Amino acid sequence: MWIFSPQVISLDDILFLTMLMFPESLVLFSFLNCTVIVLHLIAPMSSLVKSCLNVSEHK
């Protein structure tokens, strides 16, 4: 049982619902899923780089 509120629904849930409603969008869904995974991998790295740059600027 899902509670539909903005806090609970994530991007993955929206993609999952889209896949359920439109089975032919499975290819698009897998592509978007790869994009989301890549973004999840890149985001921590970019924030880590930013923090390193901030530390080097303060010296």
Protein backbone atom coordinates (compact mmCIF):
# COMPACT_ATOMS: atom_id res chain seq x y z
CA MET A 1 0.00 0.00 0.00
CA TRP A 2 1.56 3.25 -1.14
CA ILE A 3 0.92 6.60 0.49
CA PHE A 4 0.93 9.24 -2.24
CA SER A 5 2.60 12.31 -0.81
CA PRO A 6 5.46 14.38 -2.28
CA GLN A 7 7.84 13.29 0.48
CA VAL A 8 7.33 9.57 -0.14
CA ILE A 9 7.34 9.38 -3.94
CA SER A 10 10.84 9.39 -5.37
CA LEU A 11 12.06 9.56 -8.95
CA ASP A 12 12.46 5.77 -8.94
CA ASP A 13 8.81 5.33 -7.94
CA ILE A 14 7.70 7.59 -10.78
CA LEU A 15 9.82 5.63 -13.24
CA PHE A 16 8.45 2.37 -11.87
CA LEU A 17 4.85 3.58 -12.22
CA THR A 18 5.60 4.72 -15.77
CA MET A 19 7.01 1.29 -16.57
CA LEU A 20 3.87 -0.37 -15.17
CA MET A 21 1.55 1.86 -17.19
CA PHE A 22 3.59 1.79 -20.41
CA PRO A 23 5.38 -1.57 -20.85
CA GLU A 24 6.85 -0.43 -24.18
CA SER A 25 8.80 2.23 -22.28
CA LEU A 26 10.93 -0.51 -20.71
CA VAL A 27 13.89 0.44 -22.90
CA LEU A 28 13.52 4.08 -21.95
CA PHE A 29 13.17 3.07 -18.31
CA SER A 30 16.40 1.06 -18.36
CA PHE A 31 18.20 3.98 -20.02
CA LEU A 32 16.86 6.42 -17.41
CA ASN A 33 17.80 3.99 -14.66
CA CYS A 34 21.39 3.89 -15.92
CA THR A 35 21.41 7.69 -16.04
CA VAL A 36 20.13 7.89 -12.46
CA ILE A 37 22.79 5.42 -11.28
CA VAL A 38 25.52 7.40 -13.04
CA LEU A 39 24.24 10.63 -11.48
CA HIS A 40 24.20 8.99 -8.04
CA LEU A 41 27.83 7.99 -8.60
CA ILE A 42 28.91 11.39 -9.94
CA ALA A 43 27.18 13.53 -7.30
CA PRO A 44 29.25 12.34 -4.28
CA MET A 45 32.45 12.62 -6.32
CA SER A 46 31.70 16.19 -7.41
CA SER A 47 30.83 17.23 -3.85
CA LEU A 48 34.06 15.57 -2.66
CA VAL A 49 36.04 17.51 -5.28
CA LYS A 50 34.30 20.75 -4.24
CA SER A 51 35.16 20.16 -0.58
CA CYS A 52 38.78 19.44 -1.52
CA LEU A 53 38.89 22.67 -3.54
CA ASN A 54 37.40 24.60 -0.62
CA VAL A 55 40.06 23.20 1.72
CA SER A 56 42.87 24.09 -0.69
CA GLU A 57 41.49 27.64 -1.08
CA HIS A 58 41.49 28.24 2.68
CA LYS A 59 45.17 27.36 3.02
